[in-house]
C-alpha atoms as a PDB file:
ATOM      1  CA  UNK A   1     208.036 352.609 275.932  1.00  0.00           C
ATOM      2  CA  UNK A   2     206.865 349.744 274.044  1.00  0.00           C
ATOM      3  CA  UNK A   3     208.681 346.146 274.066  1.00  0.00           C
ATOM      4  CA  UNK A   4     208.405 343.680 271.219  1.00  0.00           C
ATOM      5  CA  UNK A   5     208.139 340.040 271.877  1.00  0.00           C
ATOM      6  CA  UNK A   6     209.088 337.662 268.883  1.00  0.00           C
ATOM      7  CA  UNK A   7     206.740 334.431 268.926  1.00  0.00           C
ATOM      8  CA  UNK A   8     208.691 331.303 269.097  1.00  0.00           C
ATOM      9  CA  UNK A   9     207.475 328.981 266.451  1.00  0.00           C
ATOM     10  CA  UNK A  10     205.786 325.736 267.744  1.00  0.00           C
ATOM     11  CA  UNK A  11     208.950 323.433 266.335  1.00  0.00           C
ATOM     12  CA  UNK A  12     211.225 325.315 268.292  1.00  0.00           C
ATOM     13  CA  UNK A  13     209.184 324.935 271.739  1.00  0.00           C
ATOM     14  CA  UNK A  14     209.200 321.302 271.154  1.00  0.00           C
ATOM     15  CA  UNK A  15     212.869 320.898 270.665  1.00  0.00           C
ATOM     16  CA  UNK A  16     213.875 320.837 274.210  1.00  0.00           C
ATOM     17  CA  UNK A  17     211.143 318.160 275.248  1.00  0.00           C
ATOM     18  CA  UNK A  18     212.632 315.932 272.343  1.00  0.00           C
ATOM     19  CA  UNK A  19     215.938 316.325 273.398  1.00  0.00           C
ATOM     20  CA  UNK A  20     215.148 315.220 276.666  1.00  0.00           C
ATOM     21  CA  UNK A  21     213.381 312.222 275.278  1.00  0.00           C
ATOM     22  CA  UNK A  22     216.161 311.302 273.251  1.00  0.00           C
ATOM     23  CA  UNK A  23     218.758 311.537 276.473  1.00  0.00           C
ATOM     24  CA  UNK A  24     216.344 309.807 278.632  1.00  0.00           C
ATOM     25  CA  UNK A  25     216.239 306.821 276.201  1.00  0.00           C
ATOM     26  CA  UNK A  26     219.878 306.976 275.271  1.00  0.00           C
ATOM     27  CA  UNK A  27     222.438 307.400 278.420  1.00  0.00           C
ATOM     28  CA  UNK A  28     224.978 305.331 279.607  1.00  0.00           C
ATOM     29  CA  UNK A  29     224.113 301.762 278.714  1.00  0.00           C
ATOM     30  CA  UNK A  30     223.210 299.566 281.773  1.00  0.00           C
ATOM     31  CA  UNK A  31     224.999 301.881 284.095  1.00  0.00           C
ATOM     32  CA  UNK A  32     222.249 304.179 285.171  1.00  0.00           C
ATOM     33  CA  UNK A  33     219.554 303.530 287.426  1.00  0.00           C
ATOM     34  CA  UNK A  34     215.684 303.555 286.045  1.00  0.00           C
ATOM     35  CA  UNK A  35     214.180 306.962 286.351  1.00  0.00           C
ATOM     36  CA  UNK A  36     210.998 308.452 287.140  1.00  0.00           C
ATOM     37  CA  UNK A  37     210.502 311.917 285.553  1.00  0.00           C
ATOM     38  CA  UNK A  38     208.108 314.312 287.016  1.00  0.00           C
ATOM     39  CA  UNK A  39     207.366 317.382 284.329  1.00  0.00           C
ATOM     40  CA  UNK A  40     205.775 320.866 285.806  1.00  0.00           C
ATOM     41  CA  UNK A  41     204.918 323.262 283.024  1.00  0.00           C
ATOM     42  CA  UNK A  42     204.305 327.021 283.996  1.00  0.00           C
ATOM     43  CA  UNK A  43     203.115 328.899 281.115  1.00  0.00           C
ATOM     44  CA  UNK A  44     202.386 332.847 281.212  1.00  0.00           C
ATOM     45  CA  UNK A  45     199.043 333.938 281.881  1.00  0.00           C
ATOM     46  CA  UNK A  46     199.771 337.539 280.824  1.00  0.00           C
ATOM     47  CA  UNK A  47     198.721 338.675 277.495  1.00  0.00           C
ATOM     48  CA  UNK A  48     201.980 341.024 277.227  1.00  0.00           C
ATOM     49  CA  UNK A  49     204.463 337.621 277.878  1.00  0.00           C
ATOM     50  CA  UNK A  50     202.966 335.098 275.716  1.00  0.00           C
ATOM     51  CA  UNK A  51     204.838 331.827 274.221  1.00  0.00           C
ATOM     52  CA  UNK A  52     206.973 331.915 277.530  1.00  0.00           C
ATOM     53  CA  UNK A  53     207.243 328.393 279.355  1.00  0.00           C
ATOM     54  CA  UNK A  54     209.183 327.245 282.454  1.00  0.00           C
ATOM     55  CA  UNK A  55     209.754 323.815 282.593  1.00  0.00           C
ATOM     56  CA  UNK A  56     211.001 321.919 285.594  1.00  0.00           C
ATOM     57  CA  UNK A  57     212.018 318.117 285.650  1.00  0.00           C
ATOM     58  CA  UNK A  58     212.245 316.186 288.425  1.00  0.00           C
ATOM     59  CA  UNK A  59     214.332 312.990 287.865  1.00  0.00           C
ATOM     60  CA  UNK A  60     214.251 310.141 290.717  1.00  0.00           C
ATOM     61  CA  UNK A  61     215.931 307.297 290.288  1.00  0.00           C
ATOM     62  CA  UNK A  62     213.983 304.204 291.391  1.00  0.00           C
ATOM     63  CA  UNK A  63     215.390 301.001 292.567  1.00  0.00           C
ATOM     64  CA  UNK A  64     212.514 298.013 293.658  1.00  0.00           C
ATOM     65  CA  UNK A  65     213.588 295.365 296.274  1.00  0.00           C
ATOM     66  CA  UNK A  66     211.495 292.550 297.812  1.00  0.00           C
ATOM     67  CA  UNK A  67     212.600 293.862 301.207  1.00  0.00           C
ATOM     68  CA  UNK A  68     210.264 295.378 303.970  1.00  0.00           C
ATOM     69  CA  UNK A  69     210.317 299.105 303.985  1.00  0.00           C
ATOM     70  CA  UNK A  70     211.458 298.796 307.414  1.00  0.00           C
ATOM     71  CA  UNK A  71     214.409 296.626 306.485  1.00  0.00           C
ATOM     72  CA  UNK A  72     215.323 298.909 303.605  1.00  0.00           C
ATOM     73  CA  UNK A  73     215.070 301.867 305.879  1.00  0.00           C
ATOM     74  CA  UNK A  74     217.557 300.212 308.529  1.00  0.00           C
ATOM     75  CA  UNK A  75     219.916 299.378 305.859  1.00  0.00           C
ATOM     76  CA  UNK A  76     219.907 302.308 303.908  1.00  0.00           C
ATOM     77  CA  UNK A  77     222.591 304.495 306.138  1.00  0.00           C
ATOM     78  CA  UNK A  78     224.978 301.736 305.546  1.00  0.00           C
ATOM     79  CA  UNK A  79     224.723 301.823 301.831  1.00  0.00           C
ATOM     80  CA  UNK A  80     224.837 305.633 301.483  1.00  0.00           C
ATOM     81  CA  UNK A  81     228.205 305.166 303.562  1.00  0.00           C
ATOM     82  CA  UNK A  82     229.765 302.927 301.359  1.00  0.00           C
ATOM     83  CA  UNK A  83     229.451 305.592 298.890  1.00  0.00           C
ATOM     84  CA  UNK A  84     231.360 308.189 301.028  1.00  0.00           C
ATOM     85  CA  UNK A  85     227.884 309.895 302.528  1.00  0.00           C
ATOM     86  CA  UNK A  86     226.493 310.547 305.381  1.00  0.00           C
ATOM     87  CA  UNK A  87     223.330 312.152 306.669  1.00  0.00           C
ATOM     88  CA  UNK A  88     220.116 311.331 308.328  1.00  0.00           C
ATOM     89  CA  UNK A  89     216.645 311.375 308.211  1.00  0.00           C
ATOM     90  CA  UNK A  90     214.657 314.428 306.893  1.00  0.00           C
ATOM     91  CA  UNK A  91     212.816 316.167 309.566  1.00  0.00           C
ATOM     92  CA  UNK A  92     208.868 316.090 309.347  1.00  0.00           C
ATOM     93  CA  UNK A  93     209.394 313.404 306.505  1.00  0.00           C
ATOM     94  CA  UNK A  94     208.571 309.615 306.443  1.00  0.00           C
ATOM     95  CA  UNK A  95     211.367 307.718 305.619  1.00  0.00           C
ATOM     96  CA  UNK A  96     213.045 310.316 303.694  1.00  0.00           C
ATOM     97  CA  UNK A  97     216.906 310.288 304.122  1.00  0.00           C
ATOM     98  CA  UNK A  98     219.490 313.103 303.305  1.00  0.00           C
ATOM     99  CA  UNK A  99     223.149 312.761 302.792  1.00  0.00           C
ATOM    100  CA  UNK A 100     225.179 315.538 301.516  1.00  0.00           C
ATOM    101  CA  UNK A 101     228.664 316.565 301.300  1.00  0.00           C
ATOM    102  CA  UNK A 102     229.139 320.461 301.662  1.00  0.00           C
ATOM    103  CA  UNK A 103     232.295 320.697 299.820  1.00  0.00           C
ATOM    104  CA  UNK A 104     234.215 317.915 297.685  1.00  0.00           C
ATOM    105  CA  UNK A 105     236.716 318.127 294.919  1.00  0.00           C
ATOM    106  CA  UNK A 106     237.685 315.412 292.448  1.00  0.00           C
ATOM    107  CA  UNK A 107     236.415 312.144 294.018  1.00  0.00           C
ATOM    108  CA  UNK A 108     233.896 310.761 296.158  1.00  0.00           C
ATOM    109  CA  UNK A 109     235.269 307.764 298.042  1.00  0.00           C
ATOM    110  CA  UNK A 110     238.085 307.373 295.631  1.00  0.00           C
ATOM    111  CA  UNK A 111     235.647 307.544 292.344  1.00  0.00           C
ATOM    112  CA  UNK A 112     235.881 310.587 290.181  1.00  0.00           C
ATOM    113  CA  UNK A 113     233.074 312.909 290.388  1.00  0.00           C
ATOM    114  CA  UNK A 114     232.842 312.726 286.531  1.00  0.00           C
ATOM    115  CA  UNK A 115     231.510 309.434 286.967  1.00  0.00           C
ATOM    116  CA  UNK A 116     228.571 310.689 288.850  1.00  0.00           C
ATOM    117  CA  UNK A 117     228.115 313.945 287.596  1.00  0.00           C
ATOM    118  CA  UNK A 118     228.084 316.380 284.420  1.00  0.00           C
ATOM    119  CA  UNK A 119     229.030 319.702 285.391  1.00  0.00           C
ATOM    120  CA  UNK A 120     230.138 321.116 282.155  1.00  0.00           C
ATOM    121  CA  UNK A 121     233.919 321.398 280.911  1.00  0.00           C
ATOM    122  CA  UNK A 122     236.672 324.058 281.741  1.00  0.00           C
ATOM    123  CA  UNK A 123     238.186 325.920 279.129  1.00  0.00           C
ATOM    124  CA  UNK A 124     241.152 323.547 278.857  1.00  0.00           C
ATOM    125  CA  UNK A 125     238.690 320.657 278.133  1.00  0.00           C
ATOM    126  CA  UNK A 126     238.702 319.114 281.749  1.00  0.00           C
ATOM    127  CA  UNK A 127     235.601 317.939 283.300  1.00  0.00           C
ATOM    128  CA  UNK A 128     234.122 320.452 285.747  1.00  0.00           C
ATOM    129  CA  UNK A 129     232.748 317.589 288.124  1.00  0.00           C
ATOM    130  CA  UNK A 130     236.792 316.883 288.443  1.00  0.00           C
ATOM    131  CA  UNK A 131     238.012 320.305 288.765  1.00  0.00           C
ATOM    132  CA  UNK A 132     235.391 322.533 290.774  1.00  0.00           C
ATOM    133  CA  UNK A 133     234.511 322.625 294.208  1.00  0.00           C
ATOM    134  CA  UNK A 134     231.253 320.382 294.364  1.00  0.00           C
ATOM    135  CA  UNK A 135     228.402 320.529 296.701  1.00  0.00           C
ATOM    136  CA  UNK A 136     226.157 317.136 296.686  1.00  0.00           C
ATOM    137  CA  UNK A 137     223.077 316.087 298.232  1.00  0.00           C
ATOM    138  CA  UNK A 138     221.574 312.858 297.911  1.00  0.00           C
ATOM    139  CA  UNK A 139     217.594 312.253 299.076  1.00  0.00           C
ATOM    140  CA  UNK A 140     216.563 308.880 299.305  1.00  0.00           C
ATOM    141  CA  UNK A 141     212.636 307.977 300.184  1.00  0.00           C
ATOM    142  CA  UNK A 142     211.613 304.488 301.126  1.00  0.00           C
ATOM    143  CA  UNK A 143     208.270 303.618 300.191  1.00  0.00           C
ATOM    144  CA  UNK A 144     206.200 300.417 300.158  1.00  0.00           C
ATOM    145  CA  UNK A 145     205.508 298.668 296.760  1.00  0.00           C
ATOM    146  CA  UNK A 146     203.326 295.424 296.799  1.00  0.00           C
ATOM    147  CA  UNK A 147     205.219 293.089 298.900  1.00  0.00           C
ATOM    148  CA  UNK A 148     208.440 294.953 299.037  1.00  0.00           C
ATOM    149  CA  UNK A 149     209.692 298.502 298.544  1.00  0.00           C
ATOM    150  CA  UNK A 150     210.692 301.036 296.257  1.00  0.00           C
ATOM    151  CA  UNK A 151     213.563 303.481 296.728  1.00  0.00           C
ATOM    152  CA  UNK A 152     213.454 306.756 294.834  1.00  0.00           C
ATOM    153  CA  UNK A 153     216.598 308.772 295.090  1.00  0.00           C
ATOM    154  CA  UNK A 154     217.244 312.067 293.631  1.00  0.00           C
ATOM    155  CA  UNK A 155     220.901 313.453 293.280  1.00  0.00           C
ATOM    156  CA  UNK A 156     221.204 317.417 293.361  1.00  0.00           C
ATOM    157  CA  UNK A 157     224.958 318.853 292.837  1.00  0.00           C
ATOM    158  CA  UNK A 158     226.175 322.439 292.463  1.00  0.00           C
ATOM    159  CA  UNK A 159     229.945 323.185 291.250  1.00  0.00           C
ATOM    160  CA  UNK A 160     231.957 326.255 291.952  1.00  0.00           C
ATOM    161  CA  UNK A 161     234.848 326.952 289.918  1.00  0.00           C
ATOM    162  CA  UNK A 162     238.095 326.821 292.276  1.00  0.00           C
ATOM    163  CA  UNK A 163     238.874 330.662 290.710  1.00  0.00           C
ATOM    164  CA  UNK A 164     235.349 331.597 291.456  1.00  0.00           C
ATOM    165  CA  UNK A 165     235.278 333.165 288.059  1.00  0.00           C
ATOM    166  CA  UNK A 166     232.432 331.071 286.705  1.00  0.00           C
ATOM    167  CA  UNK A 167     229.689 331.201 289.489  1.00  0.00           C
ATOM    168  CA  UNK A 168     227.622 328.537 290.337  1.00  0.00           C
ATOM    169  CA  UNK A 169     227.128 325.863 288.065  1.00  0.00           C
ATOM    170  CA  UNK A 170     224.242 323.233 288.308  1.00  0.00           C
ATOM    171  CA  UNK A 171     225.184 319.719 287.725  1.00  0.00           C
ATOM    172  CA  UNK A 172     223.252 316.974 286.172  1.00  0.00           C
ATOM    173  CA  UNK A 173     223.510 313.313 287.499  1.00  0.00           C
ATOM    174  CA  UNK A 174     224.659 310.591 285.168  1.00  0.00           C
ATOM    175  CA  UNK A 175     222.532 307.970 286.989  1.00  0.00           C
ATOM    176  CA  UNK A 176     225.636 306.000 288.010  1.00  0.00           C
ATOM    177  CA  UNK A 177     225.800 306.684 291.748  1.00  0.00           C
ATOM    178  CA  UNK A 178     221.885 306.109 291.981  1.00  0.00           C
ATOM    179  CA  UNK A 179     222.379 302.740 290.548  1.00  0.00           C
ATOM    180  CA  UNK A 180     225.254 302.012 292.506  1.00  0.00           C
ATOM    181  CA  UNK A 181     223.202 303.028 295.374  1.00  0.00           C
ATOM    182  CA  UNK A 182     220.799 300.227 294.590  1.00  0.00           C
ATOM    183  CA  UNK A 183     223.519 297.624 294.123  1.00  0.00           C
ATOM    184  CA  UNK A 184     224.903 298.230 297.578  1.00  0.00           C
ATOM    185  CA  UNK A 185     221.379 298.076 299.455  1.00  0.00           C
ATOM    186  CA  UNK A 186     220.583 294.909 297.819  1.00  0.00           C
ATOM    187  CA  UNK A 187     224.236 293.743 298.668  1.00  0.00           C
ATOM    188  CA  UNK A 188     223.620 294.711 302.369  1.00  0.00           C
ATOM    189  CA  UNK A 189     220.110 293.278 302.302  1.00  0.00           C
ATOM    190  CA  UNK A 190     221.459 289.927 301.239  1.00  0.00           C
ATOM    191  CA  UNK A 191     224.227 289.947 303.857  1.00  0.00           C
ATOM    192  CA  UNK A 192     223.421 292.100 306.822  1.00  0.00           C
END
């Protein structure tokens, strides 16, 4: 049996990258944290499956501070707790803190989840972040930078419909939680 592969025009292959660039520059004005993006492109080496690309973007919100890494590391758990998150250091990783919530619905510490996450919409038009069961993970890495520190934070979330009919949905971050974490961290660093 012979398979036919329709080549994808170059313009169509470039559209996702253009859309990503437009989204990165747009966003919610002033409410999202600065972001570092690492792009990994995997292309097919097989001659029978040419023109297939898998693109993985790793987005990390960045917060810079003049405080030492030790001071930031000591303050980070309290700032995460202010958001309603708890966790602990990641085993085997230097100054990497993992906070997670295995099952949450509608709000995180009295803030609607739709403020932090994009999880699609329900057939009735409601935000999936506010109606689905959410599994949330926040990873923060504290690193020295110049005379101060840099905190890189990644938010990962998955939503599951209460009825269980939609399967698992990968949510994307709005950047607001990461920006709020930076604000809370600075407030606690100024007033321990």
